[in-house]
Amino acid sequence: MSFYDLDASSKKTRTEQLVEKDADGTKQFEKVSKHSPGPVKDEELLARSLEYPSKFHAQGGLNDSLFQDAFSHGASAQRLVKGWESHKSDVHFRFEARAKARREGSCGKSASPDFTYVGALHMTAGELRSFRLNGGIKALVRVYDAGNDESDPLHAEIIADSSGLQKQQRHELRVRLMTLAEQRGLHVSPHLDQEGLHRAESSKCLLVRPSATLWMKSQEDAPTSS
């Protein structure tokens, strides 16, 4: 039975169930399948997708929902075991494909035409695992190997252990996670059109721009009228 096999009838969230199954967090340091390269090491860099409009304030800038799913279901990330340069094409492709599915509607969800993959935010597993509140000793964020599927062996999950935290403390943790991502910079998606690039700018993150966006290249390659 896999660590990720949970009680579907439980009224507890997925993250609550995972934390209960792994009270001391040791499952973070286990390999989950033959497809995975192994447990997520502290020094490993992770890429987290930033999408518009769900994680943006209407007036611009990120909101603290950036890691909200870490408190309920689990926040997806891609492991960059060979560094960003080696993995960036695959990561951008995966994140854009997921956004495209949301735009068109999939898995029974209605279409969201404005849903846009803006770019990838980076942080290390160790940075996430270091989070404490008010000098406490309890580690509040976990990073698990989730490479169960052969098609996605570098998948990781970020889980927030909010058990015993008050509402204000959960808010503080979300804000601190958002701030970490902002400070590390946003690696802008090469799939953006001009409007999408404005979305990236409105994130108010430090931007790491691609050498050329795919949209710009498509304009350059388009035939010109005589």
Protein backbone atom coordinates (compact mmCIF):
# COMPACT_ATOMS: atom_id res chain seq x y z
CA MET A 1 0.00 0.00 0.00
CA SER A 2 1.39 3.37 -1.05
CA PHE A 3 1.91 6.28 1.33
CA TYR A 4 -0.42 8.21 -0.98
CA ASP A 5 -3.30 5.72 -0.65
CA LEU A 6 -5.75 7.52 1.64
CA ASP A 7 -9.24 7.04 3.07
CA ALA A 8 -11.61 8.46 0.45
CA SER A 9 -14.45 8.50 2.97
CA SER A 10 -12.57 10.64 5.49
CA LYS A 11 -13.73 14.21 6.09
CA LYS A 12 -10.15 15.30 6.68
CA THR A 13 -8.22 17.02 3.92
CA ARG A 14 -5.63 15.11 1.96
CA THR A 15 -2.80 17.00 3.65
CA GLU A 16 -4.22 16.28 7.09
CA GLN A 17 -4.32 12.58 6.30
CA LEU A 18 -0.77 12.56 4.94
CA VAL A 19 0.56 14.39 8.00
CA GLU A 20 -1.23 11.93 10.30
CA LYS A 21 0.28 8.98 8.42
CA ASP A 22 3.74 10.50 8.73
CA ALA A 23 3.77 12.12 12.17
CA ASP A 24 7.55 12.65 12.29
CA GLY A 25 7.98 13.51 8.60
CA THR A 26 10.38 10.65 7.85
CA LYS A 27 8.51 9.66 4.67
CA GLN A 28 10.04 12.74 3.06
CA PHE A 29 13.30 10.85 2.86
CA GLU A 30 11.95 7.77 1.09
CA LYS A 31 11.88 6.89 -2.62
CA VAL A 32 8.30 6.27 -3.80
CA SER A 33 8.74 4.27 -7.01
CA LYS A 34 11.19 2.81 -9.50
CA HIS A 35 10.55 5.86 -11.71
CA SER A 36 11.71 8.40 -9.15
CA PRO A 37 15.39 9.42 -8.77
CA GLY A 38 15.01 9.10 -5.00
CA PRO A 39 13.91 11.17 -2.01
CA VAL A 40 13.96 14.96 -2.31
CA LYS A 41 17.22 16.30 -0.88
CA ASP A 42 17.38 19.60 0.99
CA GLU A 43 19.69 21.13 -1.61
CA GLU A 44 17.40 20.27 -4.53
CA LEU A 45 15.90 23.15 -6.47
CA LEU A 46 12.16 22.99 -7.13
CA ALA A 47 10.01 24.79 -9.71
CA ARG A 48 6.49 25.87 -8.80
CA SER A 49 4.04 27.10 -11.45
CA LEU A 50 2.57 30.60 -11.26
CA GLU A 51 -0.77 31.06 -13.00
CA TYR A 52 -3.01 34.04 -13.70
CA PRO A 53 -5.57 35.04 -12.46
CA SER A 54 -5.88 32.67 -9.51
CA LYS A 55 -2.79 33.80 -7.61
CA PHE A 56 -2.85 37.52 -8.39
CA HIS A 57 -4.39 40.53 -6.68
CA ALA A 58 -6.70 42.47 -9.01
CA GLN A 59 -4.46 45.54 -8.62
CA GLY A 60 -1.31 43.54 -9.33
CA GLY A 61 1.12 41.48 -7.27
CA LEU A 62 0.80 37.97 -5.87
CA ASN A 63 -1.66 37.01 -3.18
CA ASP A 64 -1.13 34.51 -0.39
CA SER A 65 -3.06 31.77 -2.21
CA LEU A 66 0.21 30.94 -3.99
CA PHE A 67 0.70 27.92 -1.70
CA GLN A 68 -2.91 27.49 -0.56
CA ASP A 69 -3.10 23.98 -2.01
CA ALA A 70 -0.20 22.93 0.26
CA PHE A 71 -2.66 23.29 3.15
CA SER A 72 -5.44 21.23 1.59
CA HIS A 73 -4.48 18.84 -1.19
CA GLY A 74 -0.75 19.27 -1.73
CA ALA A 75 1.19 21.77 -3.84
CA SER A 76 2.79 20.33 -6.97
CA ALA A 77 6.37 21.14 -7.91
CA GLN A 78 8.96 19.83 -10.37
CA ARG A 79 12.36 18.70 -9.14
CA LEU A 80 15.32 20.24 -10.96
CA VAL A 81 17.80 17.51 -10.10
CA LYS A 82 20.19 18.56 -12.90
CA GLY A 83 19.61 22.29 -12.53
CA TRP A 84 17.22 24.72 -14.19
CA GLU A 85 19.03 24.94 -17.53
CA SER A 86 18.77 21.18 -18.02
CA HIS A 87 15.09 20.98 -17.11
CA LYS A 88 13.58 24.33 -18.11
CA SER A 89 12.19 23.27 -21.52
CA ASP A 90 10.38 20.28 -20.03
CA VAL A 91 9.12 22.25 -17.02
CA HIS A 92 7.76 25.11 -19.15
CA PHE A 93 6.12 22.58 -21.49
CA ARG A 94 4.46 20.69 -18.60
CA PHE A 95 3.19 23.82 -16.90
CA GLU A 96 1.90 25.29 -20.18
CA ALA A 97 0.14 22.02 -21.09
CA ARG A 98 -1.60 22.02 -17.71
CA ALA A 99 -2.70 25.64 -18.20
CA LYS A 100 -3.96 24.90 -21.72
CA ALA A 101 -6.10 22.06 -20.33
CA ARG A 102 -7.60 24.51 -17.81
CA ARG A 103 -8.32 27.05 -20.54
CA GLU A 104 -10.11 24.46 -22.64
CA GLY A 105 -11.82 22.69 -19.74
CA SER A 106 -10.87 19.20 -18.63
CA CYS A 107 -11.69 16.59 -15.99
CA GLY A 108 -15.25 17.83 -15.77
CA LYS A 109 -14.25 21.43 -15.04
CA SER A 110 -15.61 24.32 -17.04
CA ALA A 111 -13.28 26.14 -19.43
CA SER A 112 -11.28 29.11 -18.09
CA PRO A 113 -10.21 31.05 -21.22
CA ASP A 114 -8.07 33.56 -19.28
CA PHE A 115 -6.08 30.97 -17.33
CA THR A 116 -2.41 31.63 -18.10
CA TYR A 117 0.85 29.95 -17.13
CA VAL A 118 3.00 32.99 -16.34
CA GLY A 119 6.25 31.40 -15.22
CA ALA A 120 8.11 29.20 -12.75
CA LEU A 121 9.07 30.19 -9.21
CA HIS A 122 12.13 28.53 -7.67
CA MET A 123 13.04 27.50 -4.13
CA THR A 124 15.02 24.70 -2.55
CA ALA A 125 13.46 21.89 -0.54
CA GLY A 126 15.65 22.89 2.39
CA GLU A 127 14.31 26.45 2.36
CA LEU A 128 10.77 25.13 2.55
CA ARG A 129 11.56 22.59 5.26
CA SER A 130 13.19 25.29 7.40
CA PHE A 131 9.94 27.16 8.09
CA ARG A 132 9.08 27.60 11.76
CA LEU A 133 6.83 30.10 13.55
CA ASN A 134 7.68 32.21 16.59
CA GLY A 135 10.89 30.35 17.32
CA GLY A 136 9.08 27.00 17.47
CA ILE A 137 10.88 23.73 16.77
CA LYS A 138 8.09 22.14 14.71
CA ALA A 139 8.84 21.97 10.97
CA LEU A 140 5.74 23.29 9.22
CA VAL A 141 6.48 22.47 5.57
CA ARG A 142 7.36 19.12 4.07
CA VAL A 143 8.57 18.13 0.61
CA TYR A 144 7.84 14.59 -0.57
CA ASP A 145 8.97 12.58 -3.55
CA ALA A 146 5.82 12.03 -5.61
CA GLY A 147 7.31 10.56 -8.78
CA ASN A 148 4.93 7.61 -8.89
CA ASP A 149 4.13 7.97 -12.59
CA GLU A 150 6.60 7.02 -15.30
CA SER A 151 5.50 10.07 -17.30
CA ASP A 152 6.34 12.45 -14.43
CA PRO A 153 9.20 10.97 -12.38
CA LEU A 154 10.36 14.37 -11.07
CA HIS A 155 7.06 15.30 -9.48
CA ALA A 156 7.25 16.49 -5.86
CA GLU A 157 4.60 17.57 -3.38
CA ILE A 158 4.81 20.40 -0.88
CA ILE A 159 2.69 19.78 2.21
CA ALA A 160 1.99 22.28 4.99
CA ASP A 161 1.49 20.83 8.46
CA SER A 162 -0.97 23.34 9.92
CA SER A 163 -2.20 21.10 12.73
CA GLY A 164 -2.59 23.15 15.88
CA LEU A 165 -2.09 26.48 14.11
CA GLN A 166 -4.52 29.33 14.59
CA LYS A 167 -6.04 31.14 11.60
CA GLN A 168 -3.59 34.03 11.89
CA GLN A 169 -0.65 31.64 12.07
CA ARG A 170 -1.77 29.83 8.92
CA HIS A 171 -2.05 33.20 7.19
CA GLU A 172 1.45 34.15 8.34
CA LEU A 173 2.85 30.91 6.97
CA ARG A 174 1.16 31.43 3.59
CA VAL A 175 2.55 34.97 3.37
CA ARG A 176 6.06 33.83 4.25
CA LEU A 177 5.92 31.12 1.58
CA MET A 178 4.73 33.69 -0.97
CA THR A 179 7.51 36.09 0.05
CA LEU A 180 10.16 33.40 -0.40
CA ALA A 181 8.92 32.73 -3.94
CA GLU A 182 8.84 36.45 -4.79
CA GLN A 183 12.40 36.96 -3.58
CA ARG A 184 13.77 34.06 -5.59
CA GLY A 185 12.44 35.51 -8.85
CA LEU A 186 10.07 34.44 -11.61
CA HIS A 187 11.41 32.55 -14.63
CA VAL A 188 9.05 33.87 -17.28
CA SER A 189 7.28 31.39 -19.56
CA PRO A 190 8.45 31.45 -23.20
CA HIS A 191 4.86 30.61 -24.22
CA LEU A 192 3.47 34.05 -23.35
CA ASP A 193 2.09 36.54 -25.83
CA GLN A 194 2.43 40.29 -25.25
CA GLU A 195 -0.53 40.37 -22.86
CA GLY A 196 0.95 37.46 -20.94
CA LEU A 197 4.24 39.31 -20.57
CA HIS A 198 2.32 42.18 -18.98
CA ARG A 199 0.86 39.62 -16.55
CA ALA A 200 4.38 38.57 -15.60
CA GLU A 201 5.35 42.19 -15.01
CA SER A 202 2.26 42.72 -12.84
CA SER A 203 3.41 39.90 -10.52
CA LYS A 204 5.91 42.41 -9.08
CA CYS A 205 8.48 39.62 -8.86
CA LEU A 206 12.05 39.94 -10.04
CA LEU A 207 11.75 38.66 -13.62
CA VAL A 208 14.16 36.26 -15.30
CA ARG A 209 13.13 36.61 -18.92
CA PRO A 210 13.63 33.99 -21.65
CA SER A 211 15.95 34.98 -24.47
CA ALA A 212 12.92 35.02 -26.78
CA THR A 213 9.31 34.04 -26.23
CA LEU A 214 7.69 31.49 -28.51
CA TRP A 215 5.05 34.09 -29.36
CA MET A 216 7.68 36.58 -30.53
CA LYS A 217 9.41 33.89 -32.58
CA SER A 218 6.10 32.97 -34.23
CA GLN A 219 5.67 36.62 -35.26
CA GLU A 220 9.18 36.72 -36.69
CA ASP A 221 8.64 33.49 -38.63
CA ALA A 222 5.25 34.52 -40.00
CA PRO A 223 5.20 35.25 -43.74
CA THR A 224 5.06 38.94 -44.61
CA SER A 225 2.67 40.30 -47.18
CA SER A 226 4.19 41.84 -50.28
